[in-house]
Amino acid sequence: MASPFIWYELLTNDVEAAGRFYGEVVGWTVQPSGQPGMDYRFWKVGETAVGGLTALPEAKDGPPSADAPGMQPGWLGYVRVPDVDGTIAQMTGMGGAEVMPAMTLPGVGRMALVADPQGAVLYVMTPEGNMPATTFARGKVGHGGWNELHTTDWKSALEFYGTNFGWSAAEAMDMGPMGTYQLFRDGGESETMGAMFNNPNLPRPAWLYYFHVDNITAARTRLEAAGGSVLMGPHEVPGGQWIMQARDPQGAMFAIVGPER
């Protein structure tokens, strides 16, 4: 079974402000999920849900919130696996960790928050039903377009994810002093879906998610007008697309990709 990214989720300390910001920058609309007993919202492109939006756990009780270690606003990705509990057992046996115990959400599926041996976190999930995931779709505005692991040992990370998710190495790009930028694909798929590289500049290893926009220059203007900050770019990447890394007004790091004009 393929193990692609099937969902992206923003945890933040200001849900309303985040909804407005990404609506301006990426073009998403926000819709309540209807999940009983929780304020969980969907990011939508037209009628298609491509991700989720919710408050940080402490933020629901008011501001001391996001200052707690490990509870900063941020994006998390979900990877589909055939067996959440079996995947957790295999991951922990290889030096990974179960950050949040597995739970089953009726009508949605079973999921758990895990960390790789270097400390980067993401969700593993076995969704209910066999509906195809449309969240990650390269080249499609409003959808996920790239999944980038900033780590301390990409070679062992690739082995870890290869064993647990079936991901395999694709092209390796030489970035000079920055080392190797290793692309990867999902098993036998021909299309690459992300890359891994060693980045000593982050406080801890993390996944960075790229979302497609209509125009990188216009998106930068919208981002800065809405209170976001540019961390890197825009600059052109192979294939003619342009990328930019940024932070939203609450501090969550994300990236966008799109044509220049």
Protein backbone atom coordinates (compact mmCIF):
# COMPACT_ATOMS: atom_id res chain seq x y z
CA MET A 1 0.00 0.00 0.00
CA ALA A 2 1.28 3.44 -0.89
CA SER A 3 2.25 5.79 1.93
CA PRO A 4 1.76 9.32 0.61
CA PHE A 5 1.04 12.53 2.50
CA ILE A 6 -2.74 12.67 2.75
CA TRP A 7 -3.42 15.70 4.97
CA TYR A 8 -1.82 18.88 6.33
CA GLU A 9 -2.84 20.44 9.62
CA LEU A 10 -2.09 23.79 11.22
CA LEU A 11 -2.03 24.06 15.00
CA THR A 12 -2.10 27.70 16.04
CA ASN A 13 -2.84 30.07 18.91
CA ASP A 14 -5.23 32.23 16.88
CA VAL A 15 -7.52 30.20 14.65
CA GLU A 16 -9.51 33.16 13.33
CA ALA A 17 -6.42 35.17 12.37
CA ALA A 18 -4.78 32.16 10.75
CA GLY A 19 -7.90 31.51 8.69
CA ARG A 20 -7.82 35.07 7.37
CA PHE A 21 -4.08 35.00 6.66
CA TYR A 22 -3.98 31.79 4.62
CA GLY A 23 -7.18 32.78 2.88
CA GLU A 24 -5.38 35.89 1.64
CA VAL A 25 -2.09 34.19 0.77
CA VAL A 26 -3.07 30.75 -0.57
CA GLY A 27 -6.73 31.35 -1.37
CA TRP A 28 -8.22 28.78 1.00
CA THR A 29 -11.62 29.09 2.57
CA VAL A 30 -12.33 27.76 6.07
CA GLN A 31 -15.27 25.52 6.95
CA PRO A 32 -16.22 23.87 10.26
CA SER A 33 -15.65 20.12 10.16
CA GLY A 34 -18.76 19.30 12.17
CA GLN A 35 -16.78 16.98 14.47
CA PRO A 36 -18.72 16.80 17.75
CA GLY A 37 -17.04 18.23 20.83
CA MET A 38 -14.17 19.94 19.04
CA ASP A 39 -13.47 23.06 17.03
CA TYR A 40 -11.75 21.53 14.04
CA ARG A 41 -11.94 23.34 10.71
CA PHE A 42 -11.14 22.41 7.13
CA TRP A 43 -9.00 24.27 4.63
CA LYS A 44 -10.87 24.07 1.33
CA VAL A 45 -10.13 24.69 -2.33
CA GLY A 46 -13.56 25.04 -3.87
CA GLU A 47 -15.43 22.01 -2.51
CA THR A 48 -12.27 20.00 -1.81
CA ALA A 49 -10.88 19.78 1.74
CA VAL A 50 -7.08 19.82 1.64
CA GLY A 51 -6.17 20.24 5.31
CA GLY A 52 -7.18 21.11 8.82
CA LEU A 53 -6.98 24.03 11.24
CA THR A 54 -7.26 23.82 15.01
CA ALA A 55 -6.09 25.52 18.20
CA LEU A 56 -3.04 24.42 20.14
CA PRO A 57 -4.23 22.42 23.16
CA GLU A 58 -3.21 25.03 25.75
CA ALA A 59 -4.44 27.87 23.57
CA LYS A 60 -8.03 26.74 24.15
CA ASP A 61 -7.68 27.79 27.79
CA GLY A 62 -6.29 31.20 27.00
CA PRO A 63 -2.83 32.75 26.56
CA PRO A 64 -0.06 31.11 28.40
CA SER A 65 -0.41 28.75 25.45
CA ALA A 66 2.13 28.66 22.71
CA ASP A 67 5.08 29.61 24.88
CA ALA A 68 5.21 26.07 26.26
CA PRO A 69 8.17 24.04 24.90
CA GLY A 70 7.18 21.97 21.89
CA MET A 71 3.81 23.69 21.59
CA GLN A 72 4.58 26.45 19.14
CA PRO A 73 2.25 27.12 16.20
CA GLY A 74 3.21 24.85 13.34
CA TRP A 75 2.20 22.58 10.48
CA LEU A 76 1.98 18.80 10.71
CA GLY A 77 1.68 16.33 7.85
CA TYR A 78 -0.23 13.05 7.85
CA VAL A 79 1.13 9.94 6.10
CA ARG A 80 -1.19 7.07 5.25
CA VAL A 81 -0.11 3.65 6.52
CA PRO A 82 -1.97 0.31 6.40
CA ASP A 83 -1.61 -0.35 10.16
CA VAL A 84 -0.97 2.48 12.63
CA ASP A 85 -0.09 0.25 15.58
CA GLY A 86 2.21 -1.97 13.54
CA THR A 87 3.94 1.10 12.11
CA ILE A 88 4.47 2.55 15.60
CA ALA A 89 6.00 -0.71 16.82
CA GLN A 90 8.38 -0.80 13.86
CA MET A 91 9.28 2.89 14.17
CA THR A 92 10.05 2.73 17.87
CA GLY A 93 12.14 -0.38 17.26
CA MET A 94 14.26 1.69 14.88
CA GLY A 95 14.78 4.60 17.31
CA GLY A 96 11.64 6.59 16.57
CA ALA A 97 9.16 7.67 19.23
CA GLU A 98 5.41 7.69 19.82
CA VAL A 99 4.76 11.33 20.72
CA MET A 100 0.98 11.04 21.05
CA PRO A 101 -0.66 7.65 21.65
CA ALA A 102 -2.69 6.16 18.84
CA MET A 103 -6.38 7.00 18.89
CA THR A 104 -9.38 6.19 16.72
CA LEU A 105 -11.66 9.01 15.62
CA PRO A 106 -15.03 7.55 14.53
CA GLY A 107 -15.74 8.20 10.88
CA VAL A 108 -12.19 9.44 10.27
CA GLY A 109 -9.64 6.76 11.13
CA ARG A 110 -6.85 5.77 13.48
CA MET A 111 -3.85 8.04 13.94
CA ALA A 112 -0.82 8.76 16.10
CA LEU A 113 1.83 11.47 16.30
CA VAL A 114 5.32 10.03 15.90
CA ALA A 115 8.90 11.26 15.68
CA ASP A 116 11.76 9.94 13.62
CA PRO A 117 15.12 9.18 15.31
CA GLN A 118 16.35 12.73 14.63
CA GLY A 119 13.23 14.25 16.23
CA ALA A 120 11.09 15.43 13.28
CA VAL A 121 7.39 14.78 13.95
CA LEU A 122 4.44 13.86 11.76
CA TYR A 123 1.24 11.85 11.96
CA VAL A 124 0.71 8.31 10.75
CA MET A 125 -2.88 7.50 9.89
CA THR A 126 -5.08 4.69 8.64
CA PRO A 127 -8.17 6.48 7.33
CA GLU A 128 -11.58 4.83 7.20
CA GLY A 129 -12.65 3.83 3.71
CA ASN A 130 -10.63 3.84 0.52
CA MET A 131 -11.23 7.33 -0.80
CA PRO A 132 -8.23 8.61 -2.78
CA ALA A 133 -6.31 11.43 -1.13
CA THR A 134 -6.24 14.65 -3.15
CA THR A 135 -4.38 16.89 -0.68
CA PHE A 136 -0.95 16.45 -2.25
CA ALA A 137 -1.14 17.36 -5.94
CA ARG A 138 1.91 18.90 -7.57
CA GLY A 139 1.06 21.85 -9.79
CA LYS A 140 -2.47 22.30 -8.44
CA VAL A 141 -3.16 25.67 -6.79
CA GLY A 142 -4.16 25.39 -3.14
CA HIS A 143 -2.81 21.85 -2.76
CA GLY A 144 0.35 20.53 -1.19
CA GLY A 145 3.22 20.60 -3.66
CA TRP A 146 6.37 19.48 -1.83
CA ASN A 147 7.38 17.86 1.47
CA GLU A 148 10.83 18.79 2.74
CA LEU A 149 12.66 17.24 5.70
CA HIS A 150 15.24 19.47 7.37
CA THR A 151 17.30 17.09 9.48
CA THR A 152 20.73 16.24 10.87
CA ASP A 153 21.31 12.93 9.07
CA TRP A 154 19.33 12.57 5.86
CA LYS A 155 20.90 9.22 4.97
CA SER A 156 19.65 7.47 8.09
CA ALA A 157 16.34 9.38 7.83
CA LEU A 158 15.83 8.04 4.31
CA GLU A 159 16.52 4.51 5.54
CA PHE A 160 14.05 5.00 8.40
CA TYR A 161 11.25 6.32 6.19
CA GLY A 162 12.05 3.79 3.48
CA THR A 163 11.60 0.91 5.91
CA ASN A 164 8.43 2.29 7.48
CA PHE A 165 6.70 3.96 4.51
CA GLY A 166 8.28 2.36 1.47
CA TRP A 167 9.77 5.64 0.27
CA SER A 168 12.77 5.40 -2.05
CA ALA A 169 15.58 7.68 -3.20
CA ALA A 170 15.20 9.61 -6.44
CA GLU A 171 17.61 12.22 -7.83
CA ALA A 172 20.31 13.65 -5.55
CA MET A 173 21.23 17.30 -6.05
CA ASP A 174 24.58 18.74 -5.03
CA MET A 175 24.04 22.03 -3.17
CA GLY A 176 27.75 22.73 -2.70
CA PRO A 177 28.57 23.81 0.88
CA MET A 178 25.01 22.89 1.93
CA GLY A 179 25.59 19.26 0.96
CA THR A 180 23.18 16.88 -0.75
CA TYR A 181 19.52 17.56 -1.42
CA GLN A 182 18.07 14.05 -1.71
CA LEU A 183 14.74 13.74 -3.51
CA PHE A 184 12.44 10.84 -2.67
CA ARG A 185 9.36 9.17 -4.10
CA ASP A 186 6.64 6.95 -2.69
CA GLY A 187 7.63 3.37 -3.48
CA GLY A 188 7.25 2.59 -7.16
CA GLU A 189 5.74 5.96 -8.08
CA SER A 190 7.67 7.86 -10.72
CA GLU A 191 6.86 11.35 -9.41
CA THR A 192 8.94 12.76 -6.58
CA MET A 193 7.04 14.14 -3.60
CA GLY A 194 9.76 15.73 -1.51
CA ALA A 195 13.37 15.90 -0.42
CA MET A 196 15.63 15.54 2.60
CA PHE A 197 18.79 17.41 3.50
CA ASN A 198 20.92 18.32 6.49
CA ASN A 199 20.11 21.77 7.87
CA PRO A 200 22.14 22.81 10.93
CA ASN A 201 20.37 26.17 11.13
CA LEU A 202 17.06 24.95 12.58
CA PRO A 203 16.76 24.44 16.36
CA ARG A 204 15.54 20.88 15.72
CA PRO A 205 14.74 18.67 12.73
CA ALA A 206 11.36 19.35 11.18
CA TRP A 207 9.21 18.86 8.09
CA LEU A 208 8.48 21.91 5.94
CA TYR A 209 5.40 21.83 3.70
CA TYR A 210 5.02 23.74 0.44
CA PHE A 211 1.62 24.84 -0.90
CA HIS A 212 0.87 25.86 -4.47
CA VAL A 213 -0.10 29.45 -5.24
CA ASP A 214 -1.20 31.10 -8.47
CA ASN A 215 1.74 33.51 -8.70
CA ILE A 216 4.77 33.68 -6.41
CA THR A 217 5.27 37.45 -6.75
CA ALA A 218 1.63 38.27 -6.06
CA ALA A 219 1.59 35.78 -3.17
CA ARG A 220 4.58 37.48 -1.58
CA THR A 221 2.82 40.83 -1.77
CA ARG A 222 -0.30 39.32 -0.18
CA LEU A 223 1.76 37.58 2.51
CA GLU A 224 3.60 40.70 3.62
CA ALA A 225 0.42 42.78 3.54
CA ALA A 226 -1.27 40.20 5.78
CA GLY A 227 1.52 40.29 8.37
CA GLY A 228 3.62 37.29 7.36
CA SER A 229 7.41 37.38 7.09
CA VAL A 230 9.66 36.08 4.30
CA LEU A 231 12.48 33.79 5.43
CA MET A 232 13.95 32.86 2.06
CA GLY A 233 13.28 33.60 -1.59
CA PRO A 234 11.52 33.79 -3.86
CA HIS A 235 13.98 31.95 -6.07
CA GLU A 236 13.68 29.69 -9.06
CA VAL A 237 14.04 25.92 -8.78
CA PRO A 238 14.51 23.27 -11.48
CA GLY A 239 11.37 22.91 -13.58
CA GLY A 240 10.63 26.62 -13.82
CA GLN A 241 8.73 27.00 -10.54
CA TRP A 242 9.60 29.53 -7.85
CA ILE A 243 9.63 28.92 -4.09
CA MET A 244 9.54 31.01 -0.96
CA GLN A 245 9.81 30.06 2.71
CA ALA A 246 7.92 32.13 5.26
CA ARG A 247 6.32 32.43 8.67
CA ASP A 248 2.70 33.29 9.33
CA PRO A 249 1.85 36.03 11.89
CA GLN A 250 1.55 33.42 14.67
CA GLY A 251 5.02 32.01 13.93
CA ALA A 252 4.26 28.83 11.99
CA MET A 253 6.80 28.11 9.26
CA PHE A 254 5.53 27.11 5.81
CA ALA A 255 6.48 27.54 2.16
CA ILE A 256 4.79 28.32 -1.13
CA VAL A 257 5.57 27.30 -4.70
CA GLY A 258 4.27 28.66 -7.98
CA PRO A 259 5.08 30.37 -11.27
CA GLU A 260 6.61 33.83 -11.31
CA ARG A 261 3.99 35.20 -13.68
